[in-house]
Amino acid sequence: MPYIKPESRDKLEQWLLDSETIGMFGCGIHDAGELNYVFSCIIRGYLAQHGKKYQTMNDVVGVLDSSKAEFQRRIVAPYEDRKIEENGDVY
């Protein structure tokens, strides 16, 4: 989770609510292709704003890696732990 100040979070969440593309928390995104497209559009806009330079591209890759790791830690791992409890461990 990007631990940003509440006022920044409020501003960005309002932007998401107002966005015709995605809406809050993915409303209107129907599949992985559309999710990828939305991420790509956001990244393309970020690159346009900050310039195609090494630092900007490195920042984007870092955000994607960190977001993936946080999703894995906060969402996927607890889900897998619940499934192990429900169905038994493979190992």
C-alpha atoms as a PDB file:
ATOM      1  CA  MET A   1       0.000   0.000   0.000  1.00  0.00           C
ATOM      2  CA  PRO A   2       1.361   3.388  -0.856  1.00  0.00           C
ATOM      3  CA  TYR A   3       1.273   5.051   2.516  1.00  0.00           C
ATOM      4  CA  ILE A   4       0.522   8.606   1.455  1.00  0.00           C
ATOM      5  CA  LYS A   5      -1.014  11.407   3.467  1.00  0.00           C
ATOM      6  CA  PRO A   6      -4.806  11.267   3.860  1.00  0.00           C
ATOM      7  CA  GLU A   7      -5.322  14.522   1.950  1.00  0.00           C
ATOM      8  CA  SER A   8      -3.382  13.139  -1.012  1.00  0.00           C
ATOM      9  CA  ARG A   9      -5.346   9.907  -0.829  1.00  0.00           C
ATOM     10  CA  ASP A  10      -8.650  11.823  -0.740  1.00  0.00           C
ATOM     11  CA  LYS A  11      -7.643  13.837  -3.812  1.00  0.00           C
ATOM     12  CA  LEU A  12      -6.646  10.737  -5.782  1.00  0.00           C
ATOM     13  CA  GLU A  13      -9.719   8.768  -4.721  1.00  0.00           C
ATOM     14  CA  GLN A  14     -11.902  11.652  -5.901  1.00  0.00           C
ATOM     15  CA  TRP A  15     -10.053  11.593  -9.226  1.00  0.00           C
ATOM     16  CA  LEU A  16     -10.804   7.879  -9.494  1.00  0.00           C
ATOM     17  CA  LEU A  17     -14.469   8.450  -8.686  1.00  0.00           C
ATOM     18  CA  ASP A  18     -14.710  11.167 -11.332  1.00  0.00           C
ATOM     19  CA  SER A  19     -12.881   9.136 -13.964  1.00  0.00           C
ATOM     20  CA  GLU A  20     -15.105   7.785 -16.716  1.00  0.00           C
ATOM     21  CA  THR A  21     -12.450   5.160 -17.420  1.00  0.00           C
ATOM     22  CA  ILE A  22     -12.218   3.195 -14.199  1.00  0.00           C
ATOM     23  CA  GLY A  23     -14.311   4.524 -11.345  1.00  0.00           C
ATOM     24  CA  MET A  24     -13.483   3.774  -7.736  1.00  0.00           C
ATOM     25  CA  PHE A  25     -11.755   0.477  -7.010  1.00  0.00           C
ATOM     26  CA  GLY A  26     -12.069  -0.883 -10.515  1.00  0.00           C
ATOM     27  CA  CYS A  27     -15.776  -0.442 -11.188  1.00  0.00           C
ATOM     28  CA  GLY A  28     -16.297  -0.950 -14.881  1.00  0.00           C
ATOM     29  CA  ILE A  29     -13.142  -3.011 -15.450  1.00  0.00           C
ATOM     30  CA  HIS A  30     -14.311  -6.385 -16.737  1.00  0.00           C
ATOM     31  CA  ASP A  31     -11.172  -8.411 -17.348  1.00  0.00           C
ATOM     32  CA  ALA A  32      -7.383  -8.501 -17.106  1.00  0.00           C
ATOM     33  CA  GLY A  33      -6.982  -6.898 -20.533  1.00  0.00           C
ATOM     34  CA  GLU A  34      -8.991  -3.860 -19.455  1.00  0.00           C
ATOM     35  CA  LEU A  35      -7.095  -3.671 -16.156  1.00  0.00           C
ATOM     36  CA  ASN A  36      -3.798  -3.750 -18.070  1.00  0.00           C
ATOM     37  CA  TYR A  37      -5.079  -1.052 -20.421  1.00  0.00           C
ATOM     38  CA  VAL A  38      -5.985   1.245 -17.503  1.00  0.00           C
ATOM     39  CA  PHE A  39      -2.556   0.768 -15.905  1.00  0.00           C
ATOM     40  CA  SER A  40      -0.917   1.419 -19.271  1.00  0.00           C
ATOM     41  CA  CYS A  41      -2.899   4.641 -19.756  1.00  0.00           C
ATOM     42  CA  ILE A  42      -1.935   5.887 -16.312  1.00  0.00           C
ATOM     43  CA  ILE A  43       1.716   5.050 -16.956  1.00  0.00           C
ATOM     44  CA  ARG A  44       1.624   6.702 -20.380  1.00  0.00           C
ATOM     45  CA  GLY A  45       0.222   9.861 -18.780  1.00  0.00           C
ATOM     46  CA  TYR A  46       2.870   9.784 -16.060  1.00  0.00           C
ATOM     47  CA  LEU A  47       5.592   9.453 -18.696  1.00  0.00           C
ATOM     48  CA  ALA A  48       4.115  12.338 -20.675  1.00  0.00           C
ATOM     49  CA  GLN A  49       4.080  14.506 -17.563  1.00  0.00           C
ATOM     50  CA  HIS A  50       7.555  13.591 -16.286  1.00  0.00           C
ATOM     51  CA  GLY A  51       9.379  12.811 -19.522  1.00  0.00           C
ATOM     52  CA  LYS A  52      10.793   9.673 -21.059  1.00  0.00           C
ATOM     53  CA  LYS A  53      14.024   9.508 -19.158  1.00  0.00           C
ATOM     54  CA  TYR A  54      15.748   6.812 -17.167  1.00  0.00           C
ATOM     55  CA  GLN A  55      14.626   8.126 -13.778  1.00  0.00           C
ATOM     56  CA  THR A  56      10.962   8.271 -14.760  1.00  0.00           C
ATOM     57  CA  MET A  57      10.992   4.799 -16.274  1.00  0.00           C
ATOM     58  CA  ASN A  58      12.877   3.471 -13.257  1.00  0.00           C
ATOM     59  CA  ASP A  59      10.262   5.059 -10.983  1.00  0.00           C
ATOM     60  CA  VAL A  60       7.437   3.376 -12.929  1.00  0.00           C
ATOM     61  CA  VAL A  61       9.127  -0.036 -12.798  1.00  0.00           C
ATOM     62  CA  GLY A  62       9.738   0.434  -9.075  1.00  0.00           C
ATOM     63  CA  VAL A  63       6.101   1.318  -8.445  1.00  0.00           C
ATOM     64  CA  LEU A  64       4.896  -1.689 -10.423  1.00  0.00           C
ATOM     65  CA  ASP A  65       7.282  -4.024  -8.568  1.00  0.00           C
ATOM     66  CA  SER A  66       6.360  -2.578  -5.181  1.00  0.00           C
ATOM     67  CA  SER A  67       2.640  -2.705  -5.950  1.00  0.00           C
ATOM     68  CA  LYS A  68       2.954  -6.334  -6.983  1.00  0.00           C
ATOM     69  CA  ALA A  69       4.884  -7.214  -3.824  1.00  0.00           C
ATOM     70  CA  GLU A  70       2.368  -5.415  -1.612  1.00  0.00           C
ATOM     71  CA  PHE A  71      -0.560  -7.133  -3.349  1.00  0.00           C
ATOM     72  CA  GLN A  72       1.158 -10.479  -2.877  1.00  0.00           C
ATOM     73  CA  ARG A  73       1.833  -9.783   0.809  1.00  0.00           C
ATOM     74  CA  ARG A  74      -1.520  -8.238   1.759  1.00  0.00           C
ATOM     75  CA  ILE A  75      -4.010 -10.055  -0.478  1.00  0.00           C
ATOM     76  CA  VAL A  76      -2.610 -13.216  -2.087  1.00  0.00           C
ATOM     77  CA  ALA A  77      -0.701 -14.708   0.866  1.00  0.00           C
ATOM     78  CA  PRO A  78      -3.624 -14.485   3.341  1.00  0.00           C
ATOM     79  CA  TYR A  79      -5.935 -15.975   0.679  1.00  0.00           C
ATOM     80  CA  GLU A  80      -3.530 -18.869   0.131  1.00  0.00           C
ATOM     81  CA  ASP A  81      -3.248 -19.408   3.901  1.00  0.00           C
ATOM     82  CA  ARG A  82      -7.057 -19.642   4.172  1.00  0.00           C
ATOM     83  CA  LYS A  83      -7.150 -22.149   1.326  1.00  0.00           C
ATOM     84  CA  ILE A  84      -4.474 -24.260   3.016  1.00  0.00           C
ATOM     85  CA  GLU A  85      -6.609 -24.335   6.167  1.00  0.00           C
ATOM     86  CA  GLU A  86      -9.735 -25.224   4.174  1.00  0.00           C
ATOM     87  CA  ASN A  87      -8.227 -27.826   1.831  1.00  0.00           C
ATOM     88  CA  GLY A  88      -5.014 -29.006   3.424  1.00  0.00           C
ATOM     89  CA  ASP A  89      -1.426 -28.278   2.530  1.00  0.00           C
ATOM     90  CA  VAL A  90       0.285 -29.748  -0.508  1.00  0.00           C
ATOM     91  CA  TYR A  91       3.723 -29.967   1.106  1.00  0.00           C
END
